[in-house]
PDB file of N, CA and C in Angstrom:
ATOM      1  N   MET A   1     -18.484 -13.413   6.839  1.00  0.00           N
ATOM      2  CA  MET A   1     -17.401 -12.469   6.896  1.00  0.00           C
ATOM      3  C   MET A   1     -16.662 -12.448   5.563  1.00  0.00           C
ATOM      4  N   GLU A   2     -16.357 -11.252   5.088  1.00  0.00           N
ATOM      5  CA  GLU A   2     -15.607 -11.120   3.850  1.00  0.00           C
ATOM      6  C   GLU A   2     -14.145 -11.458   4.081  1.00  0.00           C
ATOM      7  N   HIS A   3     -13.531 -12.052   3.076  1.00  0.00           N
ATOM      8  CA  HIS A   3     -12.095 -12.288   3.136  1.00  0.00           C
ATOM      9  C   HIS A   3     -11.415 -11.252   2.261  1.00  0.00           C
ATOM     10  N   ILE A   4     -10.300 -10.765   2.735  1.00  0.00           N
ATOM     11  CA  ILE A   4      -9.540  -9.758   2.008  1.00  0.00           C
ATOM     12  C   ILE A   4      -8.432 -10.449   1.231  1.00  0.00           C
ATOM     13  N   ALA A   5      -8.372 -10.202  -0.075  1.00  0.00           N
ATOM     14  CA  ALA A   5      -7.330 -10.786  -0.918  1.00  0.00           C
ATOM     15  C   ALA A   5      -6.278  -9.764  -1.295  1.00  0.00           C
ATOM     16  N   ALA A   6      -6.622  -8.468  -1.226  1.00  0.00           N
ATOM     17  CA  ALA A   6      -5.671  -7.430  -1.620  1.00  0.00           C
ATOM     18  C   ALA A   6      -5.963  -6.128  -0.868  1.00  0.00           C
ATOM     19  N   LEU A   7      -4.910  -5.374  -0.663  1.00  0.00           N
ATOM     20  CA  LEU A   7      -4.973  -4.080  -0.009  1.00  0.00           C
ATOM     21  C   LEU A   7      -4.355  -3.056  -0.946  1.00  0.00           C
ATOM     22  N   LEU A   8      -5.067  -1.944  -1.165  1.00  0.00           N
ATOM     23  CA  LEU A   8      -4.555  -0.879  -2.019  1.00  0.00           C
ATOM     24  C   LEU A   8      -3.835   0.150  -1.155  1.00  0.00           C
ATOM     25  N   LEU A   9      -2.535   0.307  -1.399  1.00  0.00           N
ATOM     26  CA  LEU A   9      -1.717   1.277  -0.687  1.00  0.00           C
ATOM     27  C   LEU A   9      -1.430   2.435  -1.629  1.00  0.00           C
ATOM     28  N   VAL A  10      -1.762   3.658  -1.188  1.00  0.00           N
ATOM     29  CA  VAL A  10      -1.548   4.858  -2.004  1.00  0.00           C
ATOM     30  C   VAL A  10      -0.651   5.800  -1.207  1.00  0.00           C
ATOM     31  N   ILE A  11       0.430   6.227  -1.838  1.00  0.00           N
ATOM     32  CA  ILE A  11       1.422   7.081  -1.198  1.00  0.00           C
ATOM     33  C   ILE A  11       1.573   8.373  -2.001  1.00  0.00           C
ATOM     34  N   GLY A  12       1.591   9.501  -1.313  1.00  0.00           N
ATOM     35  CA  GLY A  12       1.822  10.800  -1.942  1.00  0.00           C
ATOM     36  C   GLY A  12       3.154  11.358  -1.488  1.00  0.00           C
ATOM     37  N   CYS A  13       3.930  11.912  -2.432  1.00  0.00           N
ATOM     38  CA  CYS A  13       5.270  12.426  -2.124  1.00  0.00           C
ATOM     39  C   CYS A  13       5.453  13.853  -2.633  1.00  0.00           C
ATOM     40  N   SER A  14       6.437  14.520  -2.054  1.00  0.00           N
ATOM     41  CA  SER A  14       6.811  15.865  -2.484  1.00  0.00           C
ATOM     42  C   SER A  14       7.508  15.797  -3.841  1.00  0.00           C
ATOM     43  N   ASN A  15       7.771  16.961  -4.443  1.00  0.00           N
ATOM     44  CA  ASN A  15       8.476  17.024  -5.719  1.00  0.00           C
ATOM     45  C   ASN A  15       9.819  16.320  -5.688  1.00  0.00           C
ATOM     46  N   THR A  16      10.501  16.409  -4.555  1.00  0.00           N
ATOM     47  CA  THR A  16      11.840  15.822  -4.437  1.00  0.00           C
ATOM     48  C   THR A  16      11.809  14.359  -4.011  1.00  0.00           C
ATOM     49  N   MET A  17      10.629  13.832  -3.756  1.00  0.00           N
ATOM     50  CA  MET A  17      10.434  12.441  -3.320  1.00  0.00           C
ATOM     51  C   MET A  17      11.065  12.172  -1.949  1.00  0.00           C
ATOM     52  N   THR A  18      11.336  13.221  -1.176  1.00  0.00           N
ATOM     53  CA  THR A  18      11.953  13.043   0.136  1.00  0.00           C
ATOM     54  C   THR A  18      10.931  12.999   1.264  1.00  0.00           C
ATOM     55  N   GLU A  19       9.750  13.550   1.039  1.00  0.00           N
ATOM     56  CA  GLU A  19       8.688  13.534   2.043  1.00  0.00           C
ATOM     57  C   GLU A  19       7.484  12.811   1.458  1.00  0.00           C
ATOM     58  N   CYS A  20       7.142  11.679   2.062  1.00  0.00           N
ATOM     59  CA  CYS A  20       6.018  10.875   1.567  1.00  0.00           C
ATOM     60  C   CYS A  20       5.106  10.490   2.725  1.00  0.00           C
ATOM     61  N   ARG A  21       3.824  10.278   2.370  1.00  0.00           N
ATOM     62  CA  ARG A  21       2.853   9.858   3.377  1.00  0.00           C
ATOM     63  C   ARG A  21       1.772   9.019   2.713  1.00  0.00           C
ATOM     64  N   GLU A  22       1.115   8.208   3.521  1.00  0.00           N
ATOM     65  CA  GLU A  22       0.004   7.417   3.018  1.00  0.00           C
ATOM     66  C   GLU A  22      -1.177   8.336   2.772  1.00  0.00           C
ATOM     67  N   LEU A  23      -1.901   8.091   1.690  1.00  0.00           N
ATOM     68  CA  LEU A  23      -3.107   8.848   1.363  1.00  0.00           C
ATOM     69  C   LEU A  23      -4.319   7.937   1.517  1.00  0.00           C
ATOM     70  N   SER A  24      -5.383   8.484   2.077  1.00  0.00           N
ATOM     71  CA  SER A  24      -6.622   7.716   2.248  1.00  0.00           C
ATOM     72  C   SER A  24      -7.394   7.679   0.938  1.00  0.00           C
ATOM     73  N   VAL A  25      -7.963   6.527   0.649  1.00  0.00           N
ATOM     74  CA  VAL A  25      -8.826   6.354  -0.515  1.00  0.00           C
ATOM     75  C   VAL A  25     -10.147   5.768  -0.036  1.00  0.00           C
ATOM     76  N   PRO A  26     -11.234   5.992  -0.792  1.00  0.00           N
ATOM     77  CA  PRO A  26     -12.553   5.506  -0.352  1.00  0.00           C
ATOM     78  C   PRO A  26     -12.606   4.004  -0.087  1.00  0.00           C
ATOM     79  N   VAL A  27     -11.959   3.212  -0.927  1.00  0.00           N
ATOM     80  CA  VAL A  27     -11.943   1.756  -0.746  1.00  0.00           C
ATOM     81  C   VAL A  27     -10.493   1.303  -0.809  1.00  0.00           C
ATOM     82  N   SER A  28     -10.045   0.585   0.234  1.00  0.00           N
ATOM     83  CA  SER A  28      -8.656   0.145   0.243  1.00  0.00           C
ATOM     84  C   SER A  28      -8.491  -1.362   0.423  1.00  0.00           C
ATOM     85  N   VAL A  29      -9.566  -2.091   0.679  1.00  0.00           N
ATOM     86  CA  VAL A  29      -9.493  -3.544   0.811  1.00  0.00           C
ATOM     87  C   VAL A  29     -10.431  -4.200  -0.204  1.00  0.00           C
ATOM     88  N   PHE A  30      -9.984  -5.342  -0.735  1.00  0.00           N
ATOM     89  CA  PHE A  30     -10.708  -5.995  -1.825  1.00  0.00           C
ATOM     90  C   PHE A  30     -10.735  -7.498  -1.639  1.00  0.00           C
ATOM     91  N   GLU A  31     -11.819  -8.110  -2.133  1.00  0.00           N
ATOM     92  CA  GLU A  31     -11.962  -9.563  -2.050  1.00  0.00           C
ATOM     93  C   GLU A  31     -11.092 -10.296  -3.068  1.00  0.00           C
ATOM     94  N   THR A  32     -10.698  -9.612  -4.142  1.00  0.00           N
ATOM     95  CA  THR A  32      -9.814 -10.224  -5.134  1.00  0.00           C
ATOM     96  C   THR A  32      -8.734  -9.225  -5.540  1.00  0.00           C
ATOM     97  N   ALA A  33      -7.603  -9.753  -5.971  1.00  0.00           N
ATOM     98  CA  ALA A  33      -6.520  -8.899  -6.464  1.00  0.00           C
ATOM     99  C   ALA A  33      -6.959  -8.171  -7.727  1.00  0.00           C
ATOM    100  N   ALA A  34      -7.784  -8.829  -8.538  1.00  0.00           N
ATOM    101  CA  ALA A  34      -8.267  -8.205  -9.775  1.00  0.00           C
ATOM    102  C   ALA A  34      -9.132  -6.978  -9.474  1.00  0.00           C
ATOM    103  N   GLU A  35      -9.969  -7.043  -8.428  1.00  0.00           N
ATOM    104  CA  GLU A  35     -10.787  -5.883  -8.041  1.00  0.00           C
ATOM    105  C   GLU A  35      -9.892  -4.725  -7.610  1.00  0.00           C
ATOM    106  N   CYS A  36      -8.832  -5.030  -6.888  1.00  0.00           N
ATOM    107  CA  CYS A  36      -7.901  -3.993  -6.433  1.00  0.00           C
ATOM    108  C   CYS A  36      -7.227  -3.335  -7.634  1.00  0.00           C
ATOM    109  N   THR A  37      -6.761  -4.147  -8.549  1.00  0.00           N
ATOM    110  CA  THR A  37      -6.095  -3.635  -9.749  1.00  0.00           C
ATOM    111  C   THR A  37      -7.044  -2.769 -10.573  1.00  0.00           C
ATOM    112  N   ALA A  38      -8.301  -3.187 -10.668  1.00  0.00           N
ATOM    113  CA  ALA A  38      -9.293  -2.426 -11.440  1.00  0.00           C
ATOM    114  C   ALA A  38      -9.614  -1.086 -10.758  1.00  0.00           C
ATOM    115  N   GLU A  39      -9.585  -1.035  -9.435  1.00  0.00           N
ATOM    116  CA  GLU A  39      -9.920   0.177  -8.693  1.00  0.00           C
ATOM    117  C   GLU A  39      -8.759   1.170  -8.636  1.00  0.00           C
ATOM    118  N   ARG A  40      -7.552   0.695  -8.815  1.00  0.00           N
ATOM    119  CA  ARG A  40      -6.353   1.524  -8.664  1.00  0.00           C
ATOM    120  C   ARG A  40      -6.401   2.835  -9.454  1.00  0.00           C
ATOM    121  N   PRO A  41      -6.740   2.839 -10.755  1.00  0.00           N
ATOM    122  CA  PRO A  41      -6.774   4.113 -11.486  1.00  0.00           C
ATOM    123  C   PRO A  41      -7.809   5.093 -10.932  1.00  0.00           C
ATOM    124  N   PHE A  42      -8.941   4.587 -10.448  1.00  0.00           N
ATOM    125  CA  PHE A  42      -9.973   5.446  -9.883  1.00  0.00           C
ATOM    126  C   PHE A  42      -9.505   6.050  -8.554  1.00  0.00           C
ATOM    127  N   ALA A  43      -8.793   5.246  -7.760  1.00  0.00           N
ATOM    128  CA  ALA A  43      -8.258   5.737  -6.498  1.00  0.00           C
ATOM    129  C   ALA A  43      -7.229   6.835  -6.742  1.00  0.00           C
ATOM    130  N   LEU A  44      -6.404   6.659  -7.766  1.00  0.00           N
ATOM    131  CA  LEU A  44      -5.403   7.676  -8.104  1.00  0.00           C
ATOM    132  C   LEU A  44      -6.090   8.985  -8.516  1.00  0.00           C
ATOM    133  N   THR A  45      -7.206   8.877  -9.225  1.00  0.00           N
ATOM    134  CA  THR A  45      -7.972  10.070  -9.604  1.00  0.00           C
ATOM    135  C   THR A  45      -8.549  10.749  -8.360  1.00  0.00           C
ATOM    136  N   ASP A  46      -9.018   9.947  -7.401  1.00  0.00           N
ATOM    137  CA  ASP A  46      -9.604  10.497  -6.166  1.00  0.00           C
ATOM    138  C   ASP A  46      -8.605  11.319  -5.360  1.00  0.00           C
ATOM    139  N   VAL A  47      -7.330  10.960  -5.393  1.00  0.00           N
ATOM    140  CA  VAL A  47      -6.332  11.659  -4.577  1.00  0.00           C
ATOM    141  C   VAL A  47      -5.482  12.648  -5.372  1.00  0.00           C
ATOM    142  N   GLN A  48      -5.823  12.805  -6.649  1.00  0.00           N
ATOM    143  CA  GLN A  48      -5.077  13.738  -7.505  1.00  0.00           C
ATOM    144  C   GLN A  48      -5.067  15.122  -6.854  1.00  0.00           C
ATOM    145  N   GLY A  49      -3.895  15.744  -6.834  1.00  0.00           N
ATOM    146  CA  GLY A  49      -3.750  17.069  -6.252  1.00  0.00           C
ATOM    147  C   GLY A  49      -3.367  17.077  -4.779  1.00  0.00           C
ATOM    148  N   GLN A  50      -3.396  15.924  -4.122  1.00  0.00           N
ATOM    149  CA  GLN A  50      -3.028  15.856  -2.702  1.00  0.00           C
ATOM    150  C   GLN A  50      -1.519  15.794  -2.494  1.00  0.00           C
ATOM    151  N   ALA A  51      -0.770  15.515  -3.562  1.00  0.00           N
ATOM    152  CA  ALA A  51       0.687  15.449  -3.482  1.00  0.00           C
ATOM    153  C   ALA A  51       1.245  15.631  -4.886  1.00  0.00           C
ATOM    154  N   ALA A  52       2.511  16.031  -4.962  1.00  0.00           N
ATOM    155  CA  ALA A  52       3.148  16.248  -6.266  1.00  0.00           C
ATOM    156  C   ALA A  52       3.317  14.949  -7.046  1.00  0.00           C
ATOM    157  N   HIS A  53       3.676  13.874  -6.350  1.00  0.00           N
ATOM    158  CA  HIS A  53       3.837  12.554  -6.969  1.00  0.00           C
ATOM    159  C   HIS A  53       3.010  11.560  -6.162  1.00  0.00           C
ATOM    160  N   ILE A  54       2.230  10.754  -6.859  1.00  0.00           N
ATOM    161  CA  ILE A  54       1.393   9.759  -6.192  1.00  0.00           C
ATOM    162  C   ILE A  54       1.675   8.395  -6.813  1.00  0.00           C
ATOM    163  N   VAL A  55       1.914   7.410  -5.949  1.00  0.00           N
ATOM    164  CA  VAL A  55       2.145   6.044  -6.393  1.00  0.00           C
ATOM    165  C   VAL A  55       1.196   5.139  -5.623  1.00  0.00           C
ATOM    166  N   ALA A  56       0.815   4.032  -6.249  1.00  0.00           N
ATOM    167  CA  ALA A  56      -0.112   3.103  -5.603  1.00  0.00           C
ATOM    168  C   ALA A  56       0.239   1.682  -6.003  1.00  0.00           C
ATOM    169  N   GLU A  57      -0.062   0.772  -5.099  1.00  0.00           N
ATOM    170  CA  GLU A  57       0.213  -0.642  -5.357  1.00  0.00           C
ATOM    171  C   GLU A  57      -0.802  -1.501  -4.621  1.00  0.00           C
ATOM    172  N   CYS A  58      -1.199  -2.596  -5.268  1.00  0.00           N
ATOM    173  CA  CYS A  58      -2.058  -3.582  -4.625  1.00  0.00           C
ATOM    174  C   CYS A  58      -1.163  -4.628  -3.960  1.00  0.00           C
ATOM    175  N   LEU A  59      -1.346  -4.817  -2.676  1.00  0.00           N
ATOM    176  CA  LEU A  59      -0.584  -5.812  -1.929  1.00  0.00           C
ATOM    177  C   LEU A  59      -1.449  -7.045  -1.729  1.00  0.00           C
ATOM    178  N   THR A  60      -0.921  -8.195  -2.061  1.00  0.00           N
ATOM    179  CA  THR A  60      -1.659  -9.449  -1.908  1.00  0.00           C
ATOM    180  C   THR A  60      -1.708  -9.846  -0.443  1.00  0.00           C
ATOM    181  N   VAL A  61      -2.887 -10.254  -0.007  1.00  0.00           N
ATOM    182  CA  VAL A  61      -3.103 -10.683   1.364  1.00  0.00           C
ATOM    183  C   VAL A  61      -3.245 -12.196   1.398  1.00  0.00           C
ATOM    184  N   ASP A  62      -2.463 -12.848   2.231  1.00  0.00           N
ATOM    185  CA  ASP A  62      -2.568 -14.292   2.425  1.00  0.00           C
ATOM    186  C   ASP A  62      -3.797 -14.542   3.304  1.00  0.00           C
ATOM    187  N   PRO A  63      -4.837 -15.251   2.805  1.00  0.00           N
ATOM    188  CA  PRO A  63      -6.058 -15.447   3.596  1.00  0.00           C
ATOM    189  C   PRO A  63      -5.796 -16.097   4.951  1.00  0.00           C
ATOM    190  N   ALA A  64      -4.788 -16.943   5.041  1.00  0.00           N
ATOM    191  CA  ALA A  64      -4.476 -17.608   6.303  1.00  0.00           C
ATOM    192  C   ALA A  64      -3.941 -16.629   7.337  1.00  0.00           C
ATOM    193  N   LEU A  65      -3.408 -15.497   6.893  1.00  0.00           N
ATOM    194  CA  LEU A  65      -2.824 -14.515   7.802  1.00  0.00           C
ATOM    195  C   LEU A  65      -3.615 -13.209   7.853  1.00  0.00           C
ATOM    196  N   GLU A  66      -4.761 -13.180   7.214  1.00  0.00           N
ATOM    197  CA  GLU A  66      -5.562 -11.950   7.063  1.00  0.00           C
ATOM    198  C   GLU A  66      -5.741 -11.188   8.371  1.00  0.00           C
ATOM    199  N   ASP A  67      -6.039 -11.873   9.454  1.00  0.00           N
ATOM    200  CA  ASP A  67      -6.277 -11.206  10.728  1.00  0.00           C
ATOM    201  C   ASP A  67      -4.994 -10.946  11.515  1.00  0.00           C
ATOM    202  N   ASP A  68      -3.861 -11.451  11.032  1.00  0.00           N
ATOM    203  CA  ASP A  68      -2.605 -11.332  11.763  1.00  0.00           C
ATOM    204  C   ASP A  68      -1.723 -10.181  11.312  1.00  0.00           C
ATOM    205  N   TYR A  69      -1.967  -9.655  10.114  1.00  0.00           N
ATOM    206  CA  TYR A  69      -1.139  -8.545   9.637  1.00  0.00           C
ATOM    207  C   TYR A  69      -1.273  -7.369  10.596  1.00  0.00           C
ATOM    208  N   ASP A  70      -0.139  -6.792  10.983  1.00  0.00           N
ATOM    209  CA  ASP A  70      -0.203  -5.647  11.870  1.00  0.00           C
ATOM    210  C   ASP A  70       0.631  -4.470  11.389  1.00  0.00           C
ATOM    211  N   GLN A  71       1.312  -4.621  10.252  1.00  0.00           N
ATOM    212  CA  GLN A  71       2.130  -3.525   9.740  1.00  0.00           C
ATOM    213  C   GLN A  71       2.139  -3.511   8.213  1.00  0.00           C
ATOM    214  N   ILE A  72       2.202  -2.310   7.687  1.00  0.00           N
ATOM    215  CA  ILE A  72       2.513  -2.117   6.268  1.00  0.00           C
ATOM    216  C   ILE A  72       3.845  -1.386   6.253  1.00  0.00           C
ATOM    217  N   VAL A  73       4.823  -1.971   5.604  1.00  0.00           N
ATOM    218  CA  VAL A  73       6.147  -1.353   5.505  1.00  0.00           C
ATOM    219  C   VAL A  73       6.322  -0.907   4.071  1.00  0.00           C
ATOM    220  N   TRP A  74       6.738   0.361   3.874  1.00  0.00           N
ATOM    221  CA  TRP A  74       6.881   0.855   2.507  1.00  0.00           C
ATOM    222  C   TRP A  74       8.029   1.844   2.402  1.00  0.00           C
ATOM    223  N   ASN A  75       8.494   1.985   1.173  1.00  0.00           N
ATOM    224  CA  ASN A  75       9.565   2.929   0.854  1.00  0.00           C
ATOM    225  C   ASN A  75       9.346   3.392  -0.584  1.00  0.00           C
ATOM    226  N   VAL A  76       9.449   4.693  -0.799  1.00  0.00           N
ATOM    227  CA  VAL A  76       9.400   5.227  -2.154  1.00  0.00           C
ATOM    228  C   VAL A  76      10.821   5.648  -2.512  1.00  0.00           C
ATOM    229  N   ARG A  77      11.346   5.050  -3.546  1.00  0.00           N
ATOM    230  CA  ARG A  77      12.704   5.363  -3.998  1.00  0.00           C
ATOM    231  C   ARG A  77      12.717   6.697  -4.729  1.00  0.00           C
ATOM    232  N   PRO A  78      13.889   7.316  -4.874  1.00  0.00           N
ATOM    233  CA  PRO A  78      13.987   8.596  -5.584  1.00  0.00           C
ATOM    234  C   PRO A  78      13.432   8.555  -7.012  1.00  0.00           C
ATOM    235  N   ASP A  79      13.439   7.372  -7.654  1.00  0.00           N
ATOM    236  CA  ASP A  79      12.908   7.263  -9.016  1.00  0.00           C
ATOM    237  C   ASP A  79      11.390   7.082  -9.038  1.00  0.00           C
ATOM    238  N   GLY A  80      10.748   7.085  -7.845  1.00  0.00           N
ATOM    239  CA  GLY A  80       9.299   6.955  -7.766  1.00  0.00           C
ATOM    240  C   GLY A  80       8.798   5.547  -7.626  1.00  0.00           C
ATOM    241  N   THR A  81       9.684   4.578  -7.533  1.00  0.00           N
ATOM    242  CA  THR A  81       9.298   3.181  -7.364  1.00  0.00           C
ATOM    243  C   THR A  81       8.846   2.948  -5.925  1.00  0.00           C
ATOM    244  N   LEU A  82       7.692   2.321  -5.774  1.00  0.00           N
ATOM    245  CA  LEU A  82       7.163   1.999  -4.452  1.00  0.00           C
ATOM    246  C   LEU A  82       7.481   0.553  -4.116  1.00  0.00           C
ATOM    247  N   ASP A  83       8.166   0.343  -3.002  1.00  0.00           N
ATOM    248  CA  ASP A  83       8.391  -0.992  -2.451  1.00  0.00           C
ATOM    249  C   ASP A  83       7.507  -1.094  -1.220  1.00  0.00           C
ATOM    250  N   ALA A  84       6.692  -2.138  -1.127  1.00  0.00           N
ATOM    251  CA  ALA A  84       5.788  -2.261   0.008  1.00  0.00           C
ATOM    252  C   ALA A  84       5.582  -3.720   0.375  1.00  0.00           C
ATOM    253  N   SER A  85       5.285  -3.954   1.653  1.00  0.00           N
ATOM    254  CA  SER A  85       5.013  -5.305   2.105  1.00  0.00           C
ATOM    255  C   SER A  85       4.082  -5.274   3.310  1.00  0.00           C
ATOM    256  N   LEU A  86       3.393  -6.372   3.515  1.00  0.00           N
ATOM    257  CA  LEU A  86       2.576  -6.577   4.707  1.00  0.00           C
ATOM    258  C   LEU A  86       3.395  -7.433   5.655  1.00  0.00           C
ATOM    259  N   GLN A  87       3.307  -7.139   6.945  1.00  0.00           N
ATOM    260  CA  GLN A  87       4.080  -7.900   7.916  1.00  0.00           C
ATOM    261  C   GLN A  87       3.220  -8.356   9.075  1.00  0.00           C
ATOM    262  N   VAL A  88       3.661  -9.465   9.663  1.00  0.00           N
ATOM    263  CA  VAL A  88       3.061 -10.012  10.868  1.00  0.00           C
ATOM    264  C   VAL A  88       4.161 -10.062  11.920  1.00  0.00           C
ATOM    265  N   SER A  89       3.949  -9.385  13.032  1.00  0.00           N
ATOM    266  CA  SER A  89       4.904  -9.418  14.144  1.00  0.00           C
ATOM    267  C   SER A  89       6.355  -9.290  13.694  1.00  0.00           C
ATOM    268  N   ASN A  90       6.626  -8.313  12.844  1.00  0.00           N
ATOM    269  CA  ASN A  90       7.958  -8.013  12.350  1.00  0.00           C
ATOM    270  C   ASN A  90       8.565  -9.074  11.449  1.00  0.00           C
ATOM    271  N   LEU A  91       7.776 -10.028  10.965  1.00  0.00           N
ATOM    272  CA  LEU A  91       8.254 -11.017  10.000  1.00  0.00           C
ATOM    273  C   LEU A  91       7.636 -10.698   8.660  1.00  0.00           C
ATOM    274  N   VAL A  92       8.437 -10.579   7.616  1.00  0.00           N
ATOM    275  CA  VAL A  92       7.907 -10.292   6.284  1.00  0.00           C
ATOM    276  C   VAL A  92       7.209 -11.540   5.757  1.00  0.00           C
ATOM    277  N   VAL A  93       5.942 -11.378   5.316  1.00  0.00           N
ATOM    278  CA  VAL A  93       5.192 -12.506   4.783  1.00  0.00           C
ATOM    279  C   VAL A  93       4.815 -12.318   3.329  1.00  0.00           C
ATOM    280  N   ALA A  94       4.787 -11.091   2.839  1.00  0.00           N
ATOM    281  CA  ALA A  94       4.494 -10.830   1.426  1.00  0.00           C
ATOM    282  C   ALA A  94       5.247  -9.565   1.068  1.00  0.00           C
ATOM    283  N   SER A  95       6.174  -9.650   0.148  1.00  0.00           N
ATOM    284  CA  SER A  95       7.005  -8.490  -0.090  1.00  0.00           C
ATOM    285  C   SER A  95       7.464  -8.383  -1.520  1.00  0.00           C
ATOM    286  N   ASN A  96       7.616  -7.136  -1.967  1.00  0.00           N
ATOM    287  CA  ASN A  96       8.316  -6.876  -3.201  1.00  0.00           C
ATOM    288  C   ASN A  96       9.417  -5.869  -2.905  1.00  0.00           C
ATOM    289  N   ALA A  97       9.702  -5.673  -1.621  1.00  0.00           N
ATOM    290  CA  ALA A  97      10.679  -4.671  -1.195  1.00  0.00           C
ATOM    291  C   ALA A  97      12.022  -5.306  -0.892  1.00  0.00           C
ATOM    292  N   ALA A  98      13.073  -4.678  -1.350  1.00  0.00           N
ATOM    293  CA  ALA A  98      14.415  -5.143  -1.053  1.00  0.00           C
ATOM    294  C   ALA A  98      14.811  -4.730   0.366  1.00  0.00           C
ATOM    295  N   ARG A  99      14.690  -3.429   0.689  1.00  0.00           N
ATOM    296  CA  ARG A  99      15.070  -2.911   1.994  1.00  0.00           C
ATOM    297  C   ARG A  99      14.186  -1.708   2.338  1.00  0.00           C
ATOM    298  N   PRO A 100      12.973  -1.958   2.859  1.00  0.00           N
ATOM    299  CA  PRO A 100      12.093  -0.832   3.176  1.00  0.00           C
ATOM    300  C   PRO A 100      12.693   0.048   4.260  1.00  0.00           C
ATOM    301  N   GLU A 101      12.424   1.355   4.172  1.00  0.00           N
ATOM    302  CA  GLU A 101      12.964   2.301   5.129  1.00  0.00           C
ATOM    303  C   GLU A 101      11.895   2.913   6.016  1.00  0.00           C
ATOM    304  N   LYS A 102      10.652   2.862   5.607  1.00  0.00           N
ATOM    305  CA  LYS A 102       9.582   3.459   6.396  1.00  0.00           C
ATOM    306  C   LYS A 102       8.690   2.344   6.948  1.00  0.00           C
ATOM    307  N   ASP A 103       8.286   2.470   8.185  1.00  0.00           N
ATOM    308  CA  ASP A 103       7.523   1.430   8.858  1.00  0.00           C
ATOM    309  C   ASP A 103       6.333   2.089   9.554  1.00  0.00           C
ATOM    310  N   TYR A 104       5.132   1.787   9.107  1.00  0.00           N
ATOM    311  CA  TYR A 104       3.929   2.388   9.660  1.00  0.00           C
ATOM    312  C   TYR A 104       2.925   1.301  10.006  1.00  0.00           C
ATOM    313  N   LEU A 105       2.209   1.483  11.086  1.00  0.00           N
ATOM    314  CA  LEU A 105       1.154   0.543  11.444  1.00  0.00           C
ATOM    315  C   LEU A 105      -0.043   0.764  10.543  1.00  0.00           C
ATOM    316  N   SER A 106      -0.657  -0.306  10.148  1.00  0.00           N
ATOM    317  CA  SER A 106      -1.851  -0.230   9.315  1.00  0.00           C
ATOM    318  C   SER A 106      -3.018   0.274  10.150  1.00  0.00           C
ATOM    319  N   GLN A 107      -3.781   1.178   9.606  1.00  0.00           N
ATOM    320  CA  GLN A 107      -4.947   1.728  10.271  1.00  0.00           C
ATOM    321  C   GLN A 107      -6.189   1.231   9.546  1.00  0.00           C
ATOM    322  N   GLN A 108      -6.706   0.106   9.896  1.00  0.00           N
ATOM    323  CA  GLN A 108      -7.900  -0.423   9.235  1.00  0.00           C
ATOM    324  C   GLN A 108      -9.067  -0.431  10.160  1.00  0.00           C
TER     325      GLN A 108
END
C-alpha cells in the first residue's frame, strides 16, 4: 500500500475572491512532499481558465493519521492567500491557517 505524504489542494476563485471552490486535478496525492511541490505548477496549468484566480498548496500528511483525515478546511483571503489544513474528527492536526472559514469534506 502506498503512503501519502502530501495532498495538493487547488482552489479557484472569482475576480472579487468572494466565491471560491475546489478544483479537480489529475493527481492530488503524493508519496513525498517534494513530488507534490514539483507537480504544483503543472496542476495549475491543467486548471488554467477554470477560474479568475487560482491558488494551490501542498498539505503535509502525517503518516500515522493518513487513514484518519476526514476534512480539508480552507479559506482564501481577499489578498489571494490560501490557508488550509487537514483535520481528523474536528481536531486540527496540520495547519497553516489562523481561522479557516470554509469547511469541506475531502472527496478521495
